[in-house]
Amino acid sequence: MGKNQKWSDELQQESRRILVDMPAEVFQFASLARRKGVILKKIEGAYGYITLQSCLDCAYKIQDLKDDSVIEEHGDVDSLISAGWAVS
């Protein structure tokens, strides 16, 4: 996808809501599905996950699905979304 492309306003708002409000059902579903956190996707096609603890710490670490390494770290949700990430 092009450098100037971004997710829809609706997806950006939903991502912001989930990562800021941290609704219990979203993180519980991820746990029940045996995921390490909520899955995120990047506009360019990458995937990763973010843990509840990362959200609680306001450290917004996006981790690799395969080896758990930190792909990116953002100081706030707006920075994460501006970098092209959204909840998958």
C-alpha atoms as a PDB file:
ATOM      1  CA  MET A   1       0.000   0.000   0.000  1.00  0.00           C
ATOM      2  CA  GLY A   2       1.101   3.548  -0.594  1.00  0.00           C
ATOM      3  CA  LYS A   3       2.874   5.682   1.971  1.00  0.00           C
ATOM      4  CA  ASN A   4      -0.066   8.104   2.255  1.00  0.00           C
ATOM      5  CA  GLN A   5      -2.694   5.414   2.801  1.00  0.00           C
ATOM      6  CA  LYS A   6      -4.325   5.004   6.185  1.00  0.00           C
ATOM      7  CA  TRP A   7      -7.006   2.889   7.781  1.00  0.00           C
ATOM      8  CA  SER A   8     -10.605   4.099   7.741  1.00  0.00           C
ATOM      9  CA  ASP A   9     -11.624   6.585  10.413  1.00  0.00           C
ATOM     10  CA  GLU A  10     -13.941   3.937  11.886  1.00  0.00           C
ATOM     11  CA  LEU A  11     -11.129   1.382  12.262  1.00  0.00           C
ATOM     12  CA  GLN A  12      -8.820   4.012  13.741  1.00  0.00           C
ATOM     13  CA  GLN A  13     -11.518   4.974  16.285  1.00  0.00           C
ATOM     14  CA  GLU A  14     -12.204   1.328  17.168  1.00  0.00           C
ATOM     15  CA  SER A  15      -8.481   0.653  17.580  1.00  0.00           C
ATOM     16  CA  ARG A  16      -8.127   3.702  19.813  1.00  0.00           C
ATOM     17  CA  ARG A  17     -11.139   2.592  21.898  1.00  0.00           C
ATOM     18  CA  ILE A  18      -9.761  -0.917  22.409  1.00  0.00           C
ATOM     19  CA  LEU A  19      -6.222   0.155  23.231  1.00  0.00           C
ATOM     20  CA  VAL A  20      -7.228   3.007  25.556  1.00  0.00           C
ATOM     21  CA  ASP A  21     -10.366   1.625  27.233  1.00  0.00           C
ATOM     22  CA  MET A  22      -9.017  -1.954  27.276  1.00  0.00           C
ATOM     23  CA  PRO A  23     -12.426  -3.670  27.347  1.00  0.00           C
ATOM     24  CA  ALA A  24     -12.109  -6.877  29.343  1.00  0.00           C
ATOM     25  CA  GLU A  25     -14.006  -8.950  26.787  1.00  0.00           C
ATOM     26  CA  VAL A  26     -11.493  -8.163  24.017  1.00  0.00           C
ATOM     27  CA  PHE A  27      -8.476  -9.252  26.038  1.00  0.00           C
ATOM     28  CA  GLN A  28     -10.395 -12.228  27.500  1.00  0.00           C
ATOM     29  CA  PHE A  29     -11.287 -13.373  23.978  1.00  0.00           C
ATOM     30  CA  ALA A  30      -7.626 -13.140  22.961  1.00  0.00           C
ATOM     31  CA  SER A  31      -6.677 -15.243  25.984  1.00  0.00           C
ATOM     32  CA  LEU A  32      -9.394 -17.833  25.317  1.00  0.00           C
ATOM     33  CA  ALA A  33      -8.208 -18.069  21.716  1.00  0.00           C
ATOM     34  CA  ARG A  34      -4.726 -18.813  23.147  1.00  0.00           C
ATOM     35  CA  ARG A  35      -3.305 -15.607  21.748  1.00  0.00           C
ATOM     36  CA  LYS A  36      -0.620 -13.663  23.586  1.00  0.00           C
ATOM     37  CA  GLY A  37      -2.538 -10.413  23.087  1.00  0.00           C
ATOM     38  CA  VAL A  38      -4.747  -8.464  20.722  1.00  0.00           C
ATOM     39  CA  ILE A  39      -3.705  -8.869  17.084  1.00  0.00           C
ATOM     40  CA  LEU A  40      -2.689  -5.729  15.215  1.00  0.00           C
ATOM     41  CA  LYS A  41      -2.141  -5.197  11.506  1.00  0.00           C
ATOM     42  CA  LYS A  42      -0.073  -2.572   9.750  1.00  0.00           C
ATOM     43  CA  ILE A  43      -1.263  -0.798   6.623  1.00  0.00           C
ATOM     44  CA  GLU A  44       1.799  -2.164   4.759  1.00  0.00           C
ATOM     45  CA  GLY A  45       0.816  -5.751   5.611  1.00  0.00           C
ATOM     46  CA  ALA A  46       2.747  -6.685   8.775  1.00  0.00           C
ATOM     47  CA  TYR A  47       1.050  -8.316  11.765  1.00  0.00           C
ATOM     48  CA  GLY A  48       1.873  -8.280  15.446  1.00  0.00           C
ATOM     49  CA  TYR A  49       0.204  -8.306  18.829  1.00  0.00           C
ATOM     50  CA  ILE A  50      -0.042  -6.088  21.880  1.00  0.00           C
ATOM     51  CA  THR A  51      -0.486  -7.351  25.433  1.00  0.00           C
ATOM     52  CA  LEU A  52      -2.827  -6.015  28.072  1.00  0.00           C
ATOM     53  CA  GLN A  53       0.200  -5.245  30.246  1.00  0.00           C
ATOM     54  CA  SER A  54       1.703  -3.142  27.463  1.00  0.00           C
ATOM     55  CA  CYS A  55      -1.521  -1.113  27.299  1.00  0.00           C
ATOM     56  CA  LEU A  56      -1.673  -0.779  31.079  1.00  0.00           C
ATOM     57  CA  ASP A  57       1.943   0.450  31.090  1.00  0.00           C
ATOM     58  CA  CYS A  58       1.209   2.909  28.235  1.00  0.00           C
ATOM     59  CA  ALA A  59       4.270   1.407  26.535  1.00  0.00           C
ATOM     60  CA  TYR A  60       2.392   0.137  23.430  1.00  0.00           C
ATOM     61  CA  LYS A  61       4.930  -2.504  22.408  1.00  0.00           C
ATOM     62  CA  ILE A  62       3.966  -4.323  19.236  1.00  0.00           C
ATOM     63  CA  GLN A  63       5.454  -7.792  19.258  1.00  0.00           C
ATOM     64  CA  ASP A  64       6.147 -10.303  16.493  1.00  0.00           C
ATOM     65  CA  LEU A  65       3.625 -13.144  16.313  1.00  0.00           C
ATOM     66  CA  LYS A  66       6.341 -15.773  15.808  1.00  0.00           C
ATOM     67  CA  ASP A  67       9.233 -14.894  18.082  1.00  0.00           C
ATOM     68  CA  ASP A  68       7.727 -12.279  20.458  1.00  0.00           C
ATOM     69  CA  SER A  69      10.423  -9.724  19.621  1.00  0.00           C
ATOM     70  CA  VAL A  70       9.366  -6.084  19.834  1.00  0.00           C
ATOM     71  CA  ILE A  71       8.663  -4.801  16.309  1.00  0.00           C
ATOM     72  CA  GLU A  72       7.848  -1.240  17.324  1.00  0.00           C
ATOM     73  CA  GLU A  73       7.190   0.691  20.514  1.00  0.00           C
ATOM     74  CA  HIS A  74       5.041   3.796  20.781  1.00  0.00           C
ATOM     75  CA  GLY A  75       4.555   6.215  23.654  1.00  0.00           C
ATOM     76  CA  ASP A  76       0.855   6.656  22.978  1.00  0.00           C
ATOM     77  CA  VAL A  77      -2.005   5.217  20.952  1.00  0.00           C
ATOM     78  CA  ASP A  78      -2.112   8.122  18.506  1.00  0.00           C
ATOM     79  CA  SER A  79       1.531   7.489  17.570  1.00  0.00           C
ATOM     80  CA  LEU A  80       0.785   3.790  17.062  1.00  0.00           C
ATOM     81  CA  ILE A  81      -2.190   4.559  14.809  1.00  0.00           C
ATOM     82  CA  SER A  82      -0.273   7.259  12.903  1.00  0.00           C
ATOM     83  CA  ALA A  83       2.427   4.650  12.210  1.00  0.00           C
ATOM     84  CA  GLY A  84      -0.204   2.596  10.364  1.00  0.00           C
ATOM     85  CA  TRP A  85      -1.238   0.038  13.007  1.00  0.00           C
ATOM     86  CA  ALA A  86      -4.837  -0.971  13.772  1.00  0.00           C
ATOM     87  CA  VAL A  87      -6.614  -3.723  15.683  1.00  0.00           C
ATOM     88  CA  SER A  88      -7.163  -6.691  13.402  1.00  0.00           C
END
